């Protein structure tokens, strides 16, 4: 697909740039082409990139939608679902659309790793909507290993002539099958410890989670998100893992962390929880809910059992229904 091809075909493109000039050279033709075709353009990008492109477009910049639509990178799970929902809405309305996104370059390694897994799964989840998605990556702000992984999750790269095939791309099942590093050890100072021997203990877990969240100063929505997500994972641990399960929680200034351990030694499939399950699905909905309420959710299985680790930011976000 060239820059001049009409939208209506899904492409997932990485635009790697190392200067403001290169950003302009790569994106200005792409943006101008979309505007010429009267397409809706949503750009959820960094302030720096926005300023560069806004200035380059001149008066035409007002025709680009800079952010909004309830999509942000504050919570990765809700970001992923937010973009999917936006693309689906545009498709239902029959509005030709292009999306440009840019991840926060100051994120911690665990968030970067999780975000790239979402980027990989976007090739499956966003594809049915049939709209192009371009992801900006500032090479000045990311290490070499991260940029290598960026190439691994994008089927195309953007150059001056438009999207070109990327030989380094890996299919989602292959990229995610690399697995994730074991979760970091829980700190010595734990705020919350609950042992679950059976489903009869889930009510007490929910009460403890609400009390803990309140002491952390969280609002009602953030508290509900944590309770729902952890309850879903704990239920899975009891039903599909091997009891007893243990739930532990602790905090940092920026986030709350919850870890659920059980003794089951059957690995959770790498792609679990990225596709929205059907309303009649009997399995898979719990981890999908948890993944999209948490900022980061990782799974790890070894001979001692299975761990699901979740990170929740303190800011309120969109709800997942």
C-alpha atoms as a PDB file:
ATOM      1  CA  UNK A   1       0.000   0.000   0.000  1.00  0.00           C
ATOM      2  CA  UNK A   2       1.402   3.394  -0.945  1.00  0.00           C
ATOM      3  CA  UNK A   3       0.695   6.655   0.858  1.00  0.00           C
ATOM      4  CA  UNK A   4      -1.744   7.471  -1.896  1.00  0.00           C
ATOM      5  CA  UNK A   5      -3.830   4.318  -1.533  1.00  0.00           C
ATOM      6  CA  UNK A   6      -7.337   4.889  -0.137  1.00  0.00           C
ATOM      7  CA  UNK A   7      -8.099   3.680   3.351  1.00  0.00           C
ATOM      8  CA  UNK A   8     -10.267   0.637   3.690  1.00  0.00           C
ATOM      9  CA  UNK A   9      -7.338  -1.702   4.165  1.00  0.00           C
ATOM     10  CA  UNK A  10      -5.696  -2.399   7.512  1.00  0.00           C
ATOM     11  CA  UNK A  11      -1.988  -1.700   7.716  1.00  0.00           C
ATOM     12  CA  UNK A  12       0.071  -1.386  10.879  1.00  0.00           C
ATOM     13  CA  UNK A  13       3.059   0.834  10.283  1.00  0.00           C
ATOM     14  CA  UNK A  14       5.978   1.966  12.441  1.00  0.00           C
ATOM     15  CA  UNK A  15       7.356   5.432  11.708  1.00  0.00           C
ATOM     16  CA  UNK A  16      10.813   5.609  13.306  1.00  0.00           C
ATOM     17  CA  UNK A  17      12.323   9.074  13.351  1.00  0.00           C
ATOM     18  CA  UNK A  18      15.504  10.570  14.797  1.00  0.00           C
ATOM     19  CA  UNK A  19      14.879  14.307  14.293  1.00  0.00           C
ATOM     20  CA  UNK A  20      12.050  16.789  13.911  1.00  0.00           C
ATOM     21  CA  UNK A  21      12.965  17.136  10.242  1.00  0.00           C
ATOM     22  CA  UNK A  22      12.666  13.392   9.680  1.00  0.00           C
ATOM     23  CA  UNK A  23       9.322  13.327  11.467  1.00  0.00           C
ATOM     24  CA  UNK A  24       8.038  16.037   9.119  1.00  0.00           C
ATOM     25  CA  UNK A  25       9.406  14.292   6.033  1.00  0.00           C
ATOM     26  CA  UNK A  26       7.760  10.997   7.000  1.00  0.00           C
ATOM     27  CA  UNK A  27       4.379  12.170   8.250  1.00  0.00           C
ATOM     28  CA  UNK A  28       3.554  15.319   6.313  1.00  0.00           C
ATOM     29  CA  UNK A  29       2.872  13.471   3.012  1.00  0.00           C
ATOM     30  CA  UNK A  30       0.851  10.855   4.861  1.00  0.00           C
ATOM     31  CA  UNK A  31      -1.262  13.447   6.679  1.00  0.00           C
ATOM     32  CA  UNK A  32      -1.695  15.625   3.592  1.00  0.00           C
ATOM     33  CA  UNK A  33      -2.879  12.624   1.589  1.00  0.00           C
ATOM     34  CA  UNK A  34      -5.492  11.734   4.178  1.00  0.00           C
ATOM     35  CA  UNK A  35      -6.761  15.297   4.343  1.00  0.00           C
ATOM     36  CA  UNK A  36      -6.916  15.486   0.560  1.00  0.00           C
ATOM     37  CA  UNK A  37      -9.137  12.406   0.632  1.00  0.00           C
ATOM     38  CA  UNK A  38     -11.350  14.000   3.337  1.00  0.00           C
ATOM     39  CA  UNK A  39     -10.535  11.243   5.783  1.00  0.00           C
ATOM     40  CA  UNK A  40     -10.830  11.592   9.517  1.00  0.00           C
ATOM     41  CA  UNK A  41      -7.372  11.599  11.123  1.00  0.00           C
ATOM     42  CA  UNK A  42      -6.976  10.877  14.833  1.00  0.00           C
ATOM     43  CA  UNK A  43      -3.510  11.625  16.239  1.00  0.00           C
ATOM     44  CA  UNK A  44      -2.820  10.579  19.851  1.00  0.00           C
ATOM     45  CA  UNK A  45       0.834  11.529  20.022  1.00  0.00           C
ATOM     46  CA  UNK A  46       3.418  13.283  22.200  1.00  0.00           C
ATOM     47  CA  UNK A  47       3.277  17.043  22.675  1.00  0.00           C
ATOM     48  CA  UNK A  48       6.588  17.415  20.865  1.00  0.00           C
ATOM     49  CA  UNK A  49       5.498  15.460  17.792  1.00  0.00           C
ATOM     50  CA  UNK A  50       2.165  17.242  17.768  1.00  0.00           C
ATOM     51  CA  UNK A  51       3.833  20.654  17.720  1.00  0.00           C
ATOM     52  CA  UNK A  52       6.134  19.657  14.861  1.00  0.00           C
ATOM     53  CA  UNK A  53       3.314  18.290  12.729  1.00  0.00           C
ATOM     54  CA  UNK A  54       0.872  21.043  13.652  1.00  0.00           C
ATOM     55  CA  UNK A  55       3.344  23.681  12.507  1.00  0.00           C
ATOM     56  CA  UNK A  56       4.146  21.769   9.316  1.00  0.00           C
ATOM     57  CA  UNK A  57       0.471  21.474   8.350  1.00  0.00           C
ATOM     58  CA  UNK A  58      -0.296  25.150   8.889  1.00  0.00           C
ATOM     59  CA  UNK A  59      -4.000  25.987   8.583  1.00  0.00           C
ATOM     60  CA  UNK A  60      -4.770  22.363   7.676  1.00  0.00           C
ATOM     61  CA  UNK A  61      -3.779  21.295  11.202  1.00  0.00           C
ATOM     62  CA  UNK A  62      -7.264  22.207  12.425  1.00  0.00           C
ATOM     63  CA  UNK A  63      -8.668  19.375  10.317  1.00  0.00           C
ATOM     64  CA  UNK A  64      -6.725  16.773  12.322  1.00  0.00           C
ATOM     65  CA  UNK A  65      -8.233  15.455  15.533  1.00  0.00           C
ATOM     66  CA  UNK A  66      -5.435  15.817  18.066  1.00  0.00           C
ATOM     67  CA  UNK A  67      -6.285  13.387  20.852  1.00  0.00           C
ATOM     68  CA  UNK A  68      -9.663  12.923  22.447  1.00  0.00           C
ATOM     69  CA  UNK A  69     -12.171  10.123  21.777  1.00  0.00           C
ATOM     70  CA  UNK A  70     -11.497   8.771  25.260  1.00  0.00           C
ATOM     71  CA  UNK A  71      -8.188   7.229  24.183  1.00  0.00           C
ATOM     72  CA  UNK A  72      -5.003   7.790  26.186  1.00  0.00           C
ATOM     73  CA  UNK A  73      -1.918   5.879  27.282  1.00  0.00           C
ATOM     74  CA  UNK A  74      -2.597   6.294  31.016  1.00  0.00           C
ATOM     75  CA  UNK A  75      -3.694   2.668  31.250  1.00  0.00           C
ATOM     76  CA  UNK A  76      -2.447   0.283  28.627  1.00  0.00           C
ATOM     77  CA  UNK A  77      -5.350  -2.145  28.806  1.00  0.00           C
ATOM     78  CA  UNK A  78      -7.889   0.612  28.315  1.00  0.00           C
ATOM     79  CA  UNK A  79      -5.741   2.224  25.631  1.00  0.00           C
ATOM     80  CA  UNK A  80      -5.837  -0.987  23.612  1.00  0.00           C
ATOM     81  CA  UNK A  81      -9.581  -1.395  24.013  1.00  0.00           C
ATOM     82  CA  UNK A  82     -10.106   2.335  23.403  1.00  0.00           C
ATOM     83  CA  UNK A  83      -8.429   2.294  20.005  1.00  0.00           C
ATOM     84  CA  UNK A  84     -10.291  -0.893  19.056  1.00  0.00           C
ATOM     85  CA  UNK A  85     -13.600   0.682  20.052  1.00  0.00           C
ATOM     86  CA  UNK A  86     -12.841   3.870  18.143  1.00  0.00           C
ATOM     87  CA  UNK A  87     -11.935   1.984  14.969  1.00  0.00           C
ATOM     88  CA  UNK A  88     -15.085  -0.142  15.248  1.00  0.00           C
ATOM     89  CA  UNK A  89     -17.229   2.962  15.716  1.00  0.00           C
ATOM     90  CA  UNK A  90     -15.705   4.657  12.675  1.00  0.00           C
ATOM     91  CA  UNK A  91     -16.264   1.529  10.597  1.00  0.00           C
ATOM     92  CA  UNK A  92     -19.911   1.287  11.655  1.00  0.00           C
ATOM     93  CA  UNK A  93     -20.391   4.950  10.735  1.00  0.00           C
ATOM     94  CA  UNK A  94     -18.685   4.455   7.387  1.00  0.00           C
ATOM     95  CA  UNK A  95     -16.147   7.225   8.077  1.00  0.00           C
ATOM     96  CA  UNK A  96     -12.789   6.805   6.255  1.00  0.00           C
ATOM     97  CA  UNK A  97     -10.189   7.042   9.019  1.00  0.00           C
ATOM     98  CA  UNK A  98      -6.472   7.012   9.738  1.00  0.00           C
ATOM     99  CA  UNK A  99      -5.028   6.673  13.241  1.00  0.00           C
ATOM    100  CA  UNK A 100      -1.609   7.850  14.405  1.00  0.00           C
ATOM    101  CA  UNK A 101      -0.371   6.956  17.881  1.00  0.00           C
ATOM    102  CA  UNK A 102       2.757   7.456  19.944  1.00  0.00           C
ATOM    103  CA  UNK A 103       3.628   5.709  23.198  1.00  0.00           C
ATOM    104  CA  UNK A 104       5.046   7.522  26.225  1.00  0.00           C
ATOM    105  CA  UNK A 105       8.839   7.412  25.936  1.00  0.00           C
ATOM    106  CA  UNK A 106       9.304   7.815  29.706  1.00  0.00           C
ATOM    107  CA  UNK A 107       7.527   4.600  30.651  1.00  0.00           C
ATOM    108  CA  UNK A 108       9.098   1.919  32.819  1.00  0.00           C
ATOM    109  CA  UNK A 109      10.493  -1.242  31.176  1.00  0.00           C
ATOM    110  CA  UNK A 110       7.517  -3.356  32.272  1.00  0.00           C
ATOM    111  CA  UNK A 111       5.091  -0.919  30.629  1.00  0.00           C
ATOM    112  CA  UNK A 112       7.172  -0.795  27.431  1.00  0.00           C
ATOM    113  CA  UNK A 113       7.241  -4.589  27.288  1.00  0.00           C
ATOM    114  CA  UNK A 114       3.487  -4.848  27.807  1.00  0.00           C
ATOM    115  CA  UNK A 115       2.778  -2.091  25.290  1.00  0.00           C
ATOM    116  CA  UNK A 116       4.769  -3.889  22.601  1.00  0.00           C
ATOM    117  CA  UNK A 117       2.749  -7.040  23.237  1.00  0.00           C
ATOM    118  CA  UNK A 118      -0.390  -4.982  22.649  1.00  0.00           C
ATOM    119  CA  UNK A 119       1.225  -3.615  19.482  1.00  0.00           C
ATOM    120  CA  UNK A 120       1.787  -7.166  18.319  1.00  0.00           C
ATOM    121  CA  UNK A 121      -1.793  -8.214  19.009  1.00  0.00           C
ATOM    122  CA  UNK A 122      -3.107  -5.096  17.259  1.00  0.00           C
ATOM    123  CA  UNK A 123      -2.281  -6.918  14.032  1.00  0.00           C
ATOM    124  CA  UNK A 124      -5.108  -9.325  14.849  1.00  0.00           C
ATOM    125  CA  UNK A 125      -7.515  -7.214  16.907  1.00  0.00           C
ATOM    126  CA  UNK A 126      -7.534  -4.043  14.779  1.00  0.00           C
ATOM    127  CA  UNK A 127      -7.331  -5.733  11.381  1.00  0.00           C
ATOM    128  CA  UNK A 128     -11.072  -6.469  10.932  1.00  0.00           C
ATOM    129  CA  UNK A 129     -11.888  -2.744  11.097  1.00  0.00           C
ATOM    130  CA  UNK A 130      -9.915  -2.117   7.914  1.00  0.00           C
ATOM    131  CA  UNK A 131      -8.217   1.196   8.757  1.00  0.00           C
ATOM    132  CA  UNK A 132      -4.492   2.042   8.716  1.00  0.00           C
ATOM    133  CA  UNK A 133      -2.669   2.630  12.009  1.00  0.00           C
ATOM    134  CA  UNK A 134       0.711   4.401  12.133  1.00  0.00           C
ATOM    135  CA  UNK A 135       2.812   4.290  15.321  1.00  0.00           C
ATOM    136  CA  UNK A 136       5.486   6.934  15.914  1.00  0.00           C
ATOM    137  CA  UNK A 137       8.721   5.948  17.631  1.00  0.00           C
ATOM    138  CA  UNK A 138      11.366   8.548  18.462  1.00  0.00           C
ATOM    139  CA  UNK A 139      14.697   6.754  18.104  1.00  0.00           C
ATOM    140  CA  UNK A 140      16.394   9.370  20.291  1.00  0.00           C
ATOM    141  CA  UNK A 141      14.340   8.297  23.307  1.00  0.00           C
ATOM    142  CA  UNK A 142      14.318   4.500  23.117  1.00  0.00           C
ATOM    143  CA  UNK A 143      17.190   2.013  23.503  1.00  0.00           C
ATOM    144  CA  UNK A 144      18.307  -0.222  20.669  1.00  0.00           C
ATOM    145  CA  UNK A 145      16.672  -3.358  22.060  1.00  0.00           C
ATOM    146  CA  UNK A 146      13.286  -1.637  22.284  1.00  0.00           C
ATOM    147  CA  UNK A 147      13.546  -0.372  18.704  1.00  0.00           C
ATOM    148  CA  UNK A 148      14.359  -3.912  17.569  1.00  0.00           C
ATOM    149  CA  UNK A 149      11.161  -5.107  19.221  1.00  0.00           C
ATOM    150  CA  UNK A 150       9.243  -2.237  17.605  1.00  0.00           C
ATOM    151  CA  UNK A 151      10.292  -3.570  14.204  1.00  0.00           C
ATOM    152  CA  UNK A 152       9.290  -7.078  15.246  1.00  0.00           C
ATOM    153  CA  UNK A 153       5.662  -6.088  15.880  1.00  0.00           C
ATOM    154  CA  UNK A 154       4.988  -3.903  12.813  1.00  0.00           C
ATOM    155  CA  UNK A 155       4.437  -5.515   9.384  1.00  0.00           C
ATOM    156  CA  UNK A 156       5.328  -2.230   7.648  1.00  0.00           C
ATOM    157  CA  UNK A 157       7.734   0.656   8.148  1.00  0.00           C
ATOM    158  CA  UNK A 158       7.079   4.191   6.937  1.00  0.00           C
ATOM    159  CA  UNK A 159       9.558   5.847   4.615  1.00  0.00           C
ATOM    160  CA  UNK A 160       9.297   8.890   2.344  1.00  0.00           C
ATOM    161  CA  UNK A 161       7.408   6.901  -0.301  1.00  0.00           C
ATOM    162  CA  UNK A 162       4.922   5.407   2.142  1.00  0.00           C
ATOM    163  CA  UNK A 163       4.608   2.098   4.002  1.00  0.00           C
ATOM    164  CA  UNK A 164       7.079  -0.580   2.938  1.00  0.00           C
ATOM    165  CA  UNK A 165       7.276  -4.258   3.892  1.00  0.00           C
ATOM    166  CA  UNK A 166       9.279  -4.940   7.034  1.00  0.00           C
ATOM    167  CA  UNK A 167      11.362  -8.127   6.837  1.00  0.00           C
ATOM    168  CA  UNK A 168      11.887  -8.150  10.625  1.00  0.00           C
ATOM    169  CA  UNK A 169       8.184  -8.516  11.419  1.00  0.00           C
ATOM    170  CA  UNK A 170       7.090 -11.515  13.495  1.00  0.00           C
ATOM    171  CA  UNK A 171       3.560 -12.904  13.706  1.00  0.00           C
ATOM    172  CA  UNK A 172       1.796 -12.236  17.036  1.00  0.00           C
ATOM    173  CA  UNK A 173       1.793 -15.880  18.118  1.00  0.00           C
ATOM    174  CA  UNK A 174       5.550 -16.034  17.545  1.00  0.00           C
ATOM    175  CA  UNK A 175       6.295 -12.710  19.212  1.00  0.00           C
ATOM    176  CA  UNK A 176       4.185 -13.389  22.295  1.00  0.00           C
ATOM    177  CA  UNK A 177       5.441 -16.963  22.554  1.00  0.00           C
ATOM    178  CA  UNK A 178       8.816 -15.557  23.588  1.00  0.00           C
ATOM    179  CA  UNK A 179       7.241 -15.377  26.995  1.00  0.00           C
ATOM    180  CA  UNK A 180       7.814 -12.782  29.660  1.00  0.00           C
ATOM    181  CA  UNK A 181      10.424 -12.567  32.338  1.00  0.00           C
ATOM    182  CA  UNK A 182       9.387 -13.886  35.757  1.00  0.00           C
ATOM    183  CA  UNK A 183       7.708 -11.166  37.810  1.00  0.00           C
ATOM    184  CA  UNK A 184       9.942  -9.258  40.152  1.00  0.00           C
ATOM    185  CA  UNK A 185       9.960 -10.510  43.714  1.00  0.00           C
ATOM    186  CA  UNK A 186       7.362  -8.926  45.946  1.00  0.00           C
ATOM    187  CA  UNK A 187       8.837  -6.412  48.388  1.00  0.00           C
ATOM    188  CA  UNK A 188       9.286  -7.234  52.030  1.00  0.00           C
ATOM    189  CA  UNK A 189       6.746  -4.588  53.029  1.00  0.00           C
ATOM    190  CA  UNK A 190       3.436  -6.058  51.805  1.00  0.00           C
ATOM    191  CA  UNK A 191       0.178  -4.186  52.429  1.00  0.00           C
ATOM    192  CA  UNK A 192      -2.208  -7.010  51.597  1.00  0.00           C
ATOM    193  CA  UNK A 193      -1.995 -10.793  51.978  1.00  0.00           C
ATOM    194  CA  UNK A 194      -5.024 -13.044  51.478  1.00  0.00           C
ATOM    195  CA  UNK A 195      -5.009 -16.834  51.141  1.00  0.00           C
ATOM    196  CA  UNK A 196      -7.801 -18.453  49.160  1.00  0.00           C
ATOM    197  CA  UNK A 197      -8.608 -22.107  49.762  1.00  0.00           C
ATOM    198  CA  UNK A 198     -11.899 -22.134  47.862  1.00  0.00           C
ATOM    199  CA  UNK A 199     -14.430 -19.844  46.194  1.00  0.00           C
ATOM    200  CA  UNK A 200     -15.971 -19.306  49.627  1.00  0.00           C
ATOM    201  CA  UNK A 201     -13.045 -16.995  50.366  1.00  0.00           C
ATOM    202  CA  UNK A 202     -13.670 -14.637  47.424  1.00  0.00           C
ATOM    203  CA  UNK A 203     -16.147 -12.454  49.316  1.00  0.00           C
ATOM    204  CA  UNK A 204     -13.567 -11.762  52.017  1.00  0.00           C
ATOM    205  CA  UNK A 205     -10.982 -10.988  49.314  1.00  0.00           C
ATOM    206  CA  UNK A 206     -13.249  -8.386  47.725  1.00  0.00           C
ATOM    207  CA  UNK A 207     -13.842  -6.716  51.091  1.00  0.00           C
ATOM    208  CA  UNK A 208     -10.133  -6.639  51.851  1.00  0.00           C
ATOM    209  CA  UNK A 209      -9.384  -5.168  48.432  1.00  0.00           C
ATOM    210  CA  UNK A 210     -11.935  -2.397  48.936  1.00  0.00           C
ATOM    211  CA  UNK A 211     -10.569  -1.549  52.346  1.00  0.00           C
ATOM    212  CA  UNK A 212      -6.984  -1.562  51.070  1.00  0.00           C
ATOM    213  CA  UNK A 213      -7.830   0.615  48.074  1.00  0.00           C
ATOM    214  CA  UNK A 214      -9.554   3.115  50.345  1.00  0.00           C
ATOM    215  CA  UNK A 215      -6.495   3.391  52.566  1.00  0.00           C
ATOM    216  CA  UNK A 216      -4.461   4.087  49.405  1.00  0.00           C
ATOM    217  CA  UNK A 217      -6.687   7.068  48.642  1.00  0.00           C
ATOM    218  CA  UNK A 218      -8.281   5.654  45.501  1.00  0.00           C
ATOM    219  CA  UNK A 219     -11.622   6.840  44.176  1.00  0.00           C
ATOM    220  CA  UNK A 220     -14.646   4.638  43.668  1.00  0.00           C
ATOM    221  CA  UNK A 221     -13.938   3.849  40.000  1.00  0.00           C
ATOM    222  CA  UNK A 222     -10.291   2.926  40.554  1.00  0.00           C
ATOM    223  CA  UNK A 223     -11.308   0.771  43.516  1.00  0.00           C
ATOM    224  CA  UNK A 224     -14.006  -0.984  41.491  1.00  0.00           C
ATOM    225  CA  UNK A 225     -11.510  -1.676  38.698  1.00  0.00           C
ATOM    226  CA  UNK A 226      -9.053  -3.307  41.075  1.00  0.00           C
ATOM    227  CA  UNK A 227     -11.702  -5.376  42.850  1.00  0.00           C
ATOM    228  CA  UNK A 228     -13.202  -6.637  39.583  1.00  0.00           C
ATOM    229  CA  UNK A 229      -9.843  -7.440  37.965  1.00  0.00           C
ATOM    230  CA  UNK A 230      -8.344  -9.220  40.976  1.00  0.00           C
ATOM    231  CA  UNK A 231     -11.556 -11.123  41.658  1.00  0.00           C
ATOM    232  CA  UNK A 232     -11.550 -12.428  38.072  1.00  0.00           C
ATOM    233  CA  UNK A 233      -7.935 -13.593  38.302  1.00  0.00           C
ATOM    234  CA  UNK A 234      -8.398 -15.111  41.756  1.00  0.00           C
ATOM    235  CA  UNK A 235     -11.488 -16.972  40.526  1.00  0.00           C
ATOM    236  CA  UNK A 236      -9.487 -18.347  37.596  1.00  0.00           C
ATOM    237  CA  UNK A 237      -6.702 -19.427  39.962  1.00  0.00           C
ATOM    238  CA  UNK A 238      -9.187 -21.436  42.029  1.00  0.00           C
ATOM    239  CA  UNK A 239     -11.125 -22.882  39.098  1.00  0.00           C
ATOM    240  CA  UNK A 240      -8.393 -23.513  36.531  1.00  0.00           C
ATOM    241  CA  UNK A 241      -5.245 -23.449  38.631  1.00  0.00           C
ATOM    242  CA  UNK A 242      -4.446 -25.419  41.731  1.00  0.00           C
ATOM    243  CA  UNK A 243      -5.490 -24.079  45.162  1.00  0.00           C
ATOM    244  CA  UNK A 244      -4.628 -22.688  47.530  1.00  0.00           C
ATOM    245  CA  UNK A 245      -4.076 -19.316  45.890  1.00  0.00           C
ATOM    246  CA  UNK A 246      -2.401 -16.336  47.502  1.00  0.00           C
ATOM    247  CA  UNK A 247      -3.128 -12.680  46.740  1.00  0.00           C
ATOM    248  CA  UNK A 248      -0.585 -10.031  47.710  1.00  0.00           C
ATOM    249  CA  UNK A 249      -0.690  -6.285  47.185  1.00  0.00           C
ATOM    250  CA  UNK A 250       1.667  -3.335  47.646  1.00  0.00           C
ATOM    251  CA  UNK A 251       2.018   0.253  46.495  1.00  0.00           C
ATOM    252  CA  UNK A 252       4.440   2.776  45.051  1.00  0.00           C
ATOM    253  CA  UNK A 253       3.810   6.501  44.607  1.00  0.00           C
ATOM    254  CA  UNK A 254       2.629   5.904  41.025  1.00  0.00           C
ATOM    255  CA  UNK A 255       0.798   2.582  41.144  1.00  0.00           C
ATOM    256  CA  UNK A 256      -0.679  -0.326  43.044  1.00  0.00           C
ATOM    257  CA  UNK A 257       0.548  -3.867  42.426  1.00  0.00           C
ATOM    258  CA  UNK A 258      -1.335  -7.117  42.948  1.00  0.00           C
ATOM    259  CA  UNK A 259       0.102 -10.603  42.474  1.00  0.00           C
ATOM    260  CA  UNK A 260      -1.980 -13.787  42.436  1.00  0.00           C
ATOM    261  CA  UNK A 261      -0.110 -17.095  42.837  1.00  0.00           C
ATOM    262  CA  UNK A 262      -1.454 -20.624  42.646  1.00  0.00           C
ATOM    263  CA  UNK A 263       0.144 -24.064  42.282  1.00  0.00           C
ATOM    264  CA  UNK A 264      -1.137 -24.859  38.792  1.00  0.00           C
ATOM    265  CA  UNK A 265       1.591 -25.717  36.298  1.00  0.00           C
ATOM    266  CA  UNK A 266      -0.392 -25.342  33.063  1.00  0.00           C
ATOM    267  CA  UNK A 267       0.759 -22.210  31.246  1.00  0.00           C
ATOM    268  CA  UNK A 268      -1.782 -19.580  30.262  1.00  0.00           C
ATOM    269  CA  UNK A 269      -1.674 -19.254  26.440  1.00  0.00           C
ATOM    270  CA  UNK A 270       0.298 -16.171  25.428  1.00  0.00           C
ATOM    271  CA  UNK A 271      -2.534 -14.556  23.468  1.00  0.00           C
ATOM    272  CA  UNK A 272      -5.173 -15.006  26.187  1.00  0.00           C
ATOM    273  CA  UNK A 273      -7.150 -11.899  27.073  1.00  0.00           C
ATOM    274  CA  UNK A 274      -6.396  -9.723  24.055  1.00  0.00           C
ATOM    275  CA  UNK A 275      -9.431 -10.571  21.902  1.00  0.00           C
ATOM    276  CA  UNK A 276     -12.802  -9.501  23.270  1.00  0.00           C
ATOM    277  CA  UNK A 277     -14.646 -12.770  23.978  1.00  0.00           C
ATOM    278  CA  UNK A 278     -18.144 -13.352  22.657  1.00  0.00           C
ATOM    279  CA  UNK A 279     -21.064 -12.810  24.984  1.00  0.00           C
ATOM    280  CA  UNK A 280     -21.670 -16.563  25.071  1.00  0.00           C
ATOM    281  CA  UNK A 281     -18.034 -17.467  25.757  1.00  0.00           C
ATOM    282  CA  UNK A 282     -17.667 -19.744  28.746  1.00  0.00           C
ATOM    283  CA  UNK A 283     -13.956 -19.182  29.194  1.00  0.00           C
ATOM    284  CA  UNK A 284     -11.501 -16.378  28.565  1.00  0.00           C
ATOM    285  CA  UNK A 285     -13.653 -13.469  29.659  1.00  0.00           C
ATOM    286  CA  UNK A 286     -12.100 -13.151  33.122  1.00  0.00           C
ATOM    287  CA  UNK A 287      -8.534 -12.529  32.004  1.00  0.00           C
ATOM    288  CA  UNK A 288      -9.782 -10.237  29.218  1.00  0.00           C
ATOM    289  CA  UNK A 289     -11.583  -8.107  31.807  1.00  0.00           C
ATOM    290  CA  UNK A 290      -8.543  -8.049  34.093  1.00  0.00           C
ATOM    291  CA  UNK A 291      -6.132  -7.269  31.269  1.00  0.00           C
ATOM    292  CA  UNK A 292      -8.198  -4.290  30.184  1.00  0.00           C
ATOM    293  CA  UNK A 293      -8.740  -2.877  33.656  1.00  0.00           C
ATOM    294  CA  UNK A 294      -5.078  -3.129  34.636  1.00  0.00           C
ATOM    295  CA  UNK A 295      -2.305  -0.969  33.259  1.00  0.00           C
ATOM    296  CA  UNK A 296      -0.020  -4.002  32.965  1.00  0.00           C
ATOM    297  CA  UNK A 297      -0.867  -7.685  33.370  1.00  0.00           C
ATOM    298  CA  UNK A 298       1.726 -10.432  33.010  1.00  0.00           C
ATOM    299  CA  UNK A 299       1.558 -14.187  33.448  1.00  0.00           C
ATOM    300  CA  UNK A 300       4.288 -16.650  34.283  1.00  0.00           C
ATOM    301  CA  UNK A 301       4.273 -20.401  34.884  1.00  0.00           C
ATOM    302  CA  UNK A 302       7.137 -22.533  36.173  1.00  0.00           C
ATOM    303  CA  UNK A 303       7.427 -25.818  38.098  1.00  0.00           C
ATOM    304  CA  UNK A 304       6.254 -24.122  41.297  1.00  0.00           C
ATOM    305  CA  UNK A 305       3.008 -22.764  39.850  1.00  0.00           C
ATOM    306  CA  UNK A 306       1.412 -19.848  38.013  1.00  0.00           C
ATOM    307  CA  UNK A 307       1.631 -16.143  38.772  1.00  0.00           C
ATOM    308  CA  UNK A 308      -0.518 -13.352  37.391  1.00  0.00           C
ATOM    309  CA  UNK A 309       0.931  -9.940  38.242  1.00  0.00           C
ATOM    310  CA  UNK A 310      -1.052  -6.730  37.764  1.00  0.00           C
ATOM    311  CA  UNK A 311      -0.145  -3.077  37.956  1.00  0.00           C
ATOM    312  CA  UNK A 312      -2.860  -0.433  38.418  1.00  0.00           C
ATOM    313  CA  UNK A 313      -2.234   3.271  37.931  1.00  0.00           C
ATOM    314  CA  UNK A 314      -3.796   5.693  40.370  1.00  0.00           C
ATOM    315  CA  UNK A 315      -5.563   7.756  37.696  1.00  0.00           C
ATOM    316  CA  UNK A 316      -9.152   7.010  36.792  1.00  0.00           C
ATOM    317  CA  UNK A 317      -9.764   5.571  33.348  1.00  0.00           C
ATOM    318  CA  UNK A 318     -12.478   4.254  31.067  1.00  0.00           C
ATOM    319  CA  UNK A 319     -14.607   1.338  32.171  1.00  0.00           C
ATOM    320  CA  UNK A 320     -14.747  -1.944  30.281  1.00  0.00           C
ATOM    321  CA  UNK A 321     -18.241  -3.312  29.865  1.00  0.00           C
END
